Amino acid sequence: MNGGADTVVIGLGNVVMSDDGLGVHAVRRLRERYAVAEGVEVVEGGTAGLLLLPHLADARRAILIDAIDTGSCPGTFVRLSGEDWMSAFSIRMTPHEVALDDLLAAARLKHVWPEQLVLLGLQPGAIALGTELSRPVAAALDGLVDAVAAELIAWEDWALHHDEIVDRGLGCA
């Protein structure tokens, strides 16, 4: 279990398949740029699929980050909330549609569905062997991470930019 985290942020994707690894890259960047509240669990979910169910089990709120193919220009920001995530699977928008769909279906069947669920991502530019994000997706990564922080702030699970922590004397320079 996640130790009682009220909110979980899970980054999905295969980091050896270029833009497919977007979610993992995003949670790594989130950790670099922001400090999140103690009740927020940040998980590099990768391609773990159903093994991520315990992380959703205690969470009231969840943010899932993944590459989301909407047919838009590479790097385009995508936000799906509530039941809108279902459309992402009915037209196969994410490279993990089976694993993520199964995870969310299992959460619903086990009655561990978060009260609030948001799926955030970017339109991938390349899904091919490689550990680097494509140029347009890499350029949009910080904006995606800022959107994750904004969701946390809206949920009152504060997220401070690391520069703000140093400026306020809360961290080491």
Protein backbone atom coordinates (compact mmCIF):
# COMPACT_ATOMS: atom_id res chain seq x y z
CA MET A 1 0.00 0.00 0.00
CA ASN A 2 1.02 3.61 -0.33
CA GLY A 3 1.15 4.25 3.40
CA GLY A 4 -2.02 6.30 3.41
CA ALA A 5 -1.11 8.96 0.84
CA ASP A 6 -4.16 11.12 0.22
CA THR A 7 -2.98 11.96 -3.28
CA VAL A 8 -0.92 9.93 -5.72
CA VAL A 9 0.87 11.11 -8.87
CA ILE A 10 1.82 8.22 -11.16
CA GLY A 11 4.04 8.61 -14.22
CA LEU A 12 3.49 5.93 -16.85
CA GLY A 13 5.52 4.79 -19.81
CA ASN A 14 8.46 2.86 -21.16
CA VAL A 15 11.59 5.00 -20.86
CA VAL A 16 13.40 3.07 -23.61
CA MET A 17 10.71 3.94 -26.16
CA SER A 18 11.28 7.70 -26.54
CA ASP A 19 8.06 9.70 -25.95
CA ASP A 20 6.33 6.62 -24.55
CA GLY A 21 8.36 7.23 -21.37
CA LEU A 22 6.86 10.70 -20.92
CA GLY A 23 5.11 9.98 -17.62
CA VAL A 24 8.28 8.71 -15.94
CA HIS A 25 10.27 11.69 -17.25
CA ALA A 26 7.54 14.00 -15.93
CA VAL A 27 7.54 12.64 -12.36
CA ARG A 28 11.33 12.81 -12.29
CA ARG A 29 11.17 16.45 -13.37
CA LEU A 30 8.40 17.10 -10.83
CA ARG A 31 10.72 15.87 -8.08
CA GLU A 32 13.54 18.06 -9.39
CA ARG A 33 11.48 21.24 -9.65
CA TYR A 34 8.91 20.98 -6.86
CA ALA A 35 8.51 19.91 -3.27
CA VAL A 36 5.13 18.30 -2.69
CA ALA A 37 3.20 17.93 0.54
CA GLU A 38 3.84 14.96 2.79
CA GLY A 39 0.49 13.38 1.90
CA VAL A 40 1.38 13.19 -1.80
CA GLU A 41 3.02 10.06 -3.19
CA VAL A 42 4.95 10.46 -6.46
CA VAL A 43 5.43 7.15 -8.28
CA GLU A 44 7.50 6.17 -11.31
CA GLY A 45 4.92 3.67 -12.51
CA GLY A 46 6.59 2.86 -15.82
CA THR A 47 4.89 -0.14 -17.38
CA ALA A 48 3.82 -1.77 -14.08
CA GLY A 49 0.12 -1.87 -15.01
CA LEU A 50 -1.96 -3.69 -12.40
CA LEU A 51 0.94 -3.65 -9.94
CA LEU A 52 0.10 0.03 -9.44
CA LEU A 53 -3.31 -0.78 -7.95
CA PRO A 54 -2.07 -0.56 -4.31
CA HIS A 55 -0.97 3.03 -4.99
CA LEU A 56 -4.55 3.95 -5.92
CA ALA A 57 -6.10 1.98 -3.06
CA ASP A 58 -5.81 4.62 -0.34
CA ALA A 59 -5.71 7.73 -2.50
CA ARG A 60 -8.67 10.08 -2.63
CA ARG A 61 -7.11 11.86 -5.61
CA ALA A 62 -4.90 10.64 -8.43
CA ILE A 63 -3.00 12.24 -11.27
CA LEU A 64 -1.83 9.87 -13.99
CA ILE A 65 0.73 11.16 -16.48
CA ASP A 66 1.20 9.49 -19.85
CA ALA A 67 1.73 10.06 -23.56
CA ILE A 68 -1.77 10.62 -24.98
CA ASP A 69 -2.29 10.34 -28.73
CA THR A 70 -5.09 12.66 -29.81
CA GLY A 71 -3.76 13.17 -33.32
CA SER A 72 -2.63 16.69 -32.39
CA CYS A 73 0.74 18.27 -33.01
CA PRO A 74 3.55 16.64 -30.99
CA GLY A 75 3.91 18.26 -27.58
CA THR A 76 0.26 19.37 -27.37
CA PHE A 77 -1.00 19.32 -23.77
CA VAL A 78 -3.91 16.96 -22.96
CA ARG A 79 -6.03 16.93 -19.78
CA LEU A 80 -8.80 14.41 -19.17
CA SER A 81 -10.68 14.35 -15.88
CA GLY A 82 -13.54 12.47 -14.30
CA GLU A 83 -15.06 10.01 -16.72
CA ASP A 84 -13.41 11.68 -19.73
CA TRP A 85 -10.51 9.24 -19.36
CA MET A 86 -12.79 6.54 -20.78
CA SER A 87 -12.66 8.26 -24.17
CA ALA A 88 -8.87 7.90 -24.14
CA PHE A 89 -9.28 4.13 -24.27
CA SER A 90 -12.30 3.86 -26.52
CA ILE A 91 -10.25 5.44 -29.32
CA ARG A 92 -6.87 4.11 -28.08
CA MET A 93 -5.17 7.40 -27.24
CA THR A 94 -2.43 6.12 -24.94
CA PRO A 95 0.28 3.59 -25.76
CA HIS A 96 -0.69 1.85 -22.49
CA GLU A 97 -4.39 1.60 -23.19
CA VAL A 98 -4.62 -2.02 -22.16
CA ALA A 99 -2.52 -1.77 -18.99
CA LEU A 100 -3.92 1.59 -17.89
CA ASP A 101 -7.46 0.61 -18.80
CA ASP A 102 -7.06 -2.61 -16.81
CA LEU A 103 -5.62 -0.71 -13.84
CA LEU A 104 -8.53 1.73 -13.76
CA ALA A 105 -11.11 -1.03 -14.30
CA ALA A 106 -9.58 -3.04 -11.44
CA ALA A 107 -9.64 0.04 -9.20
CA ARG A 108 -13.33 0.46 -9.94
CA LEU A 109 -14.12 -3.23 -9.36
CA LYS A 110 -12.24 -3.27 -6.06
CA HIS A 111 -13.98 -0.04 -4.99
CA VAL A 112 -10.70 1.85 -4.66
CA TRP A 113 -11.55 4.42 -7.32
CA PRO A 114 -10.19 7.86 -6.36
CA GLU A 115 -12.76 10.60 -5.73
CA GLN A 116 -10.85 12.73 -8.24
CA LEU A 117 -8.87 11.36 -11.17
CA VAL A 118 -7.00 13.42 -13.74
CA LEU A 119 -5.06 12.08 -16.71
CA LEU A 120 -2.43 14.57 -17.93
CA GLY A 121 -0.11 14.17 -20.85
CA LEU A 122 1.31 15.34 -24.11
CA GLN A 123 0.79 14.28 -27.69
CA PRO A 124 3.80 12.07 -28.49
CA GLY A 125 5.99 12.86 -31.46
CA ALA A 126 7.90 9.58 -31.64
CA ILE A 127 7.40 6.14 -30.15
CA ALA A 128 10.58 4.34 -31.14
CA LEU A 129 13.59 2.76 -29.50
CA GLY A 130 15.47 5.48 -27.64
CA THR A 131 15.75 7.02 -24.19
CA GLU A 132 15.37 10.68 -25.18
CA LEU A 133 12.10 12.52 -25.66
CA SER A 134 11.44 13.99 -29.10
CA ARG A 135 12.22 17.69 -29.44
CA PRO A 136 8.62 18.99 -29.24
CA VAL A 137 7.75 16.75 -26.28
CA ALA A 138 10.96 17.66 -24.42
CA ALA A 139 10.18 21.34 -25.02
CA ALA A 140 6.69 20.90 -23.51
CA LEU A 141 7.79 18.81 -20.52
CA ASP A 142 8.18 21.70 -18.06
CA GLY A 143 4.71 22.98 -18.95
CA LEU A 144 3.27 19.54 -18.26
CA VAL A 145 5.05 19.40 -14.90
CA ASP A 146 3.72 22.87 -14.08
CA ALA A 147 0.21 21.59 -14.89
CA VAL A 148 0.70 18.70 -12.45
CA ALA A 149 1.80 21.20 -9.78
CA ALA A 150 -1.23 23.37 -10.56
CA GLU A 151 -3.55 20.37 -10.03
CA LEU A 152 -1.89 19.69 -6.68
CA ILE A 153 -2.24 23.33 -5.67
CA ALA A 154 -5.91 23.33 -6.69
CA TRP A 155 -6.38 20.27 -4.47
CA GLU A 156 -4.55 22.12 -1.68
CA ASP A 157 -1.73 19.57 -1.83
CA TRP A 158 0.80 22.35 -2.14
CA ALA A 159 3.63 22.15 -4.57
CA LEU A 160 6.41 24.70 -4.24
CA HIS A 161 8.96 25.33 -6.93
CA HIS A 162 12.38 24.46 -5.51
CA ASP A 163 13.54 28.06 -6.14
CA GLU A 164 10.69 29.26 -3.90
CA ILE A 165 11.83 26.91 -1.12
CA VAL A 166 15.35 28.34 -1.20
CA ASP A 167 14.04 31.91 -1.44
CA ARG A 168 11.81 31.38 1.62
CA GLY A 169 14.67 29.88 3.63
CA LEU A 170 13.03 26.47 3.74
CA GLY A 171 15.89 24.63 2.07
CA CYS A 172 19.64 24.68 1.67
CA ALA A 173 21.18 26.99 -0.92
